[in-house]
Amino acid sequence: MKGDKLLQGLALGLVFGMALQKAGVTDYEVMLDTLLLRDLIVVKVMLTAVVVGGIGIYALRSLGLIELEVRPAGFGRNVIGGLVFGVGMGLLGWCPGTAVGAVGEGRLDALVGLAGMIVGGMLFAQLYPQVKQVYKLGHIGERTWWQMLGINPWLFLLPVSVAIIALMWWFESVGI
């Protein structure tokens, strides 16, 4: 059973990597243009994943096919994670998913970056006891936006999805 899940994960990862490659976001120049706000294809790919993933996951949940485990949320962990992710992406020019896709294309610079991500993860694990208190700042527990608002998940998910689609349409209409 565990081996089946690993194979499923590998298969989904391969499909995801191929989708990233097909979208062109495993190209360093594309990533650079995104960081310089000249071309927002990476943002569009990520927003598309948010919409498709959100609707897909909650459709599966509504059908009783999966259960979700909500992780603790908090502003401290988001600030730390956002800073580490943003600095890493700015310095390297890759995010984790696009770096793995670029490694699959044989890009050595992405391989160096992937090694850096692994070392960074290990470093964070070592420093966690020192940053644990900051990490817990603004802790709101295992709650989702719709739980905090006291509404059905679909009453949150659908308008947010429509807003994201409208934003991507606007990006296209202005040519970014």
Protein backbone atom coordinates (compact mmCIF):
# COMPACT_ATOMS: atom_id res chain seq x y z
CA MET A 1 0.00 0.00 0.00
CA LYS A 2 2.77 2.45 0.92
CA GLY A 3 4.63 1.59 -2.30
CA ASP A 4 1.47 2.37 -4.29
CA LYS A 5 1.27 5.82 -2.73
CA LEU A 6 4.93 6.46 -3.55
CA LEU A 7 4.34 5.42 -7.17
CA GLN A 8 1.26 7.64 -7.34
CA GLY A 9 3.29 10.54 -5.97
CA LEU A 10 6.07 9.88 -8.47
CA ALA A 11 3.58 9.73 -11.35
CA LEU A 12 1.86 12.95 -10.27
CA GLY A 13 5.24 14.62 -9.82
CA LEU A 14 6.27 13.63 -13.33
CA VAL A 15 3.02 14.99 -14.77
CA PHE A 16 3.46 18.20 -12.76
CA GLY A 17 7.05 18.56 -13.97
CA MET A 18 5.99 18.02 -17.58
CA ALA A 19 3.25 20.65 -17.16
CA LEU A 20 5.80 23.13 -15.76
CA GLN A 21 8.16 22.39 -18.65
CA LYS A 22 5.35 22.71 -21.23
CA ALA A 23 4.32 26.05 -19.69
CA GLY A 24 7.91 27.25 -20.09
CA VAL A 25 8.48 28.06 -16.44
CA THR A 26 11.56 25.84 -16.15
CA ASP A 27 13.46 28.42 -18.22
CA TYR A 28 15.63 30.81 -16.19
CA GLU A 29 14.86 33.77 -18.49
CA VAL A 30 11.13 33.24 -17.95
CA MET A 31 11.67 33.23 -14.18
CA LEU A 32 13.80 36.36 -14.42
CA ASP A 33 11.13 38.13 -16.49
CA THR A 34 8.58 37.21 -13.82
CA LEU A 35 10.75 38.61 -11.04
CA LEU A 36 11.20 41.81 -13.07
CA LEU A 37 7.40 41.95 -13.72
CA ARG A 38 7.91 41.84 -17.50
CA ASP A 39 6.06 38.55 -18.05
CA LEU A 40 3.76 37.00 -15.46
CA ILE A 41 3.54 33.49 -16.91
CA VAL A 42 4.88 31.97 -13.69
CA VAL A 43 2.26 33.87 -11.67
CA LYS A 44 -0.43 32.69 -14.09
CA VAL A 45 0.70 29.08 -13.78
CA MET A 46 0.69 29.30 -9.98
CA LEU A 47 -2.73 30.97 -9.90
CA THR A 48 -4.11 28.33 -12.26
CA ALA A 49 -2.78 25.64 -9.91
CA VAL A 50 -4.49 27.37 -6.96
CA VAL A 51 -7.86 27.42 -8.74
CA VAL A 52 -7.67 23.89 -10.18
CA GLY A 53 -6.19 22.46 -6.99
CA GLY A 54 -8.64 24.21 -4.68
CA ILE A 55 -11.71 23.20 -6.65
CA GLY A 56 -10.36 19.69 -7.25
CA ILE A 57 -9.45 19.02 -3.64
CA TYR A 58 -12.73 20.33 -2.28
CA ALA A 59 -14.72 18.44 -4.93
CA LEU A 60 -12.96 15.23 -3.84
CA ARG A 61 -13.61 16.14 -0.20
CA SER A 62 -17.29 16.85 -0.91
CA LEU A 63 -17.59 13.43 -2.55
CA GLY A 64 -16.04 11.81 0.53
CA LEU A 65 -13.05 10.54 -1.44
CA ILE A 66 -10.42 12.29 0.67
CA GLU A 67 -9.99 13.78 4.12
CA LEU A 68 -8.01 16.94 4.69
CA GLU A 69 -5.62 17.61 7.52
CA VAL A 70 -5.45 21.31 8.24
CA ARG A 71 -2.01 22.41 9.39
CA PRO A 72 -1.57 25.08 12.07
CA ALA A 73 -1.59 28.59 10.64
CA GLY A 74 0.14 31.70 11.87
CA PHE A 75 1.63 34.93 10.69
CA GLY A 76 5.11 34.24 12.10
CA ARG A 77 5.58 31.05 10.09
CA ASN A 78 4.23 32.74 6.96
CA VAL A 79 6.58 35.71 7.31
CA ILE A 80 9.61 33.48 7.90
CA GLY A 81 8.63 31.09 5.10
CA GLY A 82 7.88 33.94 2.71
CA LEU A 83 11.21 35.64 3.41
CA VAL A 84 13.22 32.44 3.00
CA PHE A 85 11.31 31.49 -0.16
CA GLY A 86 11.49 34.99 -1.64
CA VAL A 87 15.19 35.52 -0.94
CA GLY A 88 15.98 32.05 -2.28
CA MET A 89 13.94 32.56 -5.43
CA GLY A 90 15.40 36.03 -5.96
CA LEU A 91 18.98 34.83 -5.58
CA LEU A 92 18.61 31.59 -7.49
CA GLY A 93 15.92 32.43 -10.02
CA TRP A 94 14.05 29.18 -9.35
CA CYS A 95 11.31 28.10 -7.00
CA PRO A 96 11.36 24.50 -5.76
CA GLY A 97 9.00 23.10 -8.40
CA THR A 98 10.60 24.85 -11.34
CA ALA A 99 14.08 23.95 -10.06
CA VAL A 100 13.22 20.25 -10.04
CA GLY A 101 11.70 20.60 -13.53
CA ALA A 102 14.83 22.38 -14.76
CA VAL A 103 17.02 19.63 -13.26
CA GLY A 104 14.92 17.18 -15.24
CA GLU A 105 15.88 19.16 -18.37
CA GLY A 106 19.55 18.82 -17.41
CA ARG A 107 20.17 22.39 -16.21
CA LEU A 108 23.17 22.27 -13.90
CA ASP A 109 22.49 25.68 -12.34
CA ALA A 110 19.14 24.36 -11.13
CA LEU A 111 20.88 21.29 -9.71
CA VAL A 112 23.15 23.57 -7.67
CA GLY A 113 20.07 25.46 -6.54
CA LEU A 114 18.29 22.26 -5.58
CA ALA A 115 21.30 21.26 -3.50
CA GLY A 116 21.10 24.70 -1.86
CA MET A 117 17.43 24.11 -1.04
CA ILE A 118 18.30 20.81 0.63
CA VAL A 119 21.09 22.44 2.64
CA GLY A 120 18.75 25.31 3.52
CA GLY A 121 16.13 22.86 4.76
CA MET A 122 18.71 21.13 6.91
CA LEU A 123 19.92 24.49 8.24
CA PHE A 124 16.35 25.51 9.11
CA ALA A 125 15.86 22.22 10.95
CA GLN A 126 18.99 22.97 13.01
CA LEU A 127 17.93 26.58 13.70
CA TYR A 128 14.29 25.73 14.45
CA PRO A 129 14.75 25.69 18.26
CA GLN A 130 16.04 29.28 18.07
CA VAL A 131 13.24 30.56 15.79
CA LYS A 132 10.42 28.46 17.26
CA GLN A 133 8.96 31.34 19.28
CA VAL A 134 8.95 33.71 16.29
CA TYR A 135 7.49 30.90 14.20
CA LYS A 136 4.52 30.74 16.60
CA LEU A 137 3.71 34.49 16.48
CA GLY A 138 0.16 35.13 15.38
CA HIS A 139 -0.77 31.46 15.76
CA ILE A 140 -4.43 30.95 14.79
CA GLY A 141 -4.57 27.16 15.04
CA GLU A 142 -5.79 24.54 12.61
CA ARG A 143 -8.43 26.72 10.96
CA THR A 144 -9.24 27.67 7.40
CA TRP A 145 -10.54 31.00 6.12
CA TRP A 146 -14.07 29.61 5.80
CA GLN A 147 -13.97 28.19 9.31
CA MET A 148 -12.95 31.59 10.65
CA LEU A 149 -15.77 33.21 8.63
CA GLY A 150 -18.22 30.46 9.63
CA ILE A 151 -19.27 29.69 6.05
CA ASN A 152 -19.37 26.72 3.69
CA PRO A 153 -15.97 26.25 1.93
CA TRP A 154 -17.61 26.65 -1.49
CA LEU A 155 -18.91 30.12 -0.52
CA PHE A 156 -15.27 31.14 -0.12
CA LEU A 157 -13.60 29.01 -2.78
CA LEU A 158 -15.83 29.88 -5.74
CA PRO A 159 -15.68 33.70 -5.43
CA VAL A 160 -11.92 33.56 -4.83
CA SER A 161 -11.53 31.33 -7.90
CA VAL A 162 -13.62 33.73 -10.00
CA ALA A 163 -11.52 36.66 -8.75
CA ILE A 164 -8.27 34.83 -9.64
CA ILE A 165 -9.60 34.00 -13.11
CA ALA A 166 -10.62 37.65 -13.59
CA LEU A 167 -7.15 38.77 -12.50
CA MET A 168 -5.49 36.41 -14.99
CA TRP A 169 -7.86 37.63 -17.72
CA TRP A 170 -6.82 41.20 -16.89
CA PHE A 171 -3.13 40.22 -17.06
CA GLU A 172 -3.76 38.86 -20.55
CA SER A 173 -5.75 41.90 -21.64
CA VAL A 174 -2.93 44.28 -20.69
CA GLY A 175 -0.27 41.99 -22.13
CA ILE A 176 1.66 40.85 -19.06
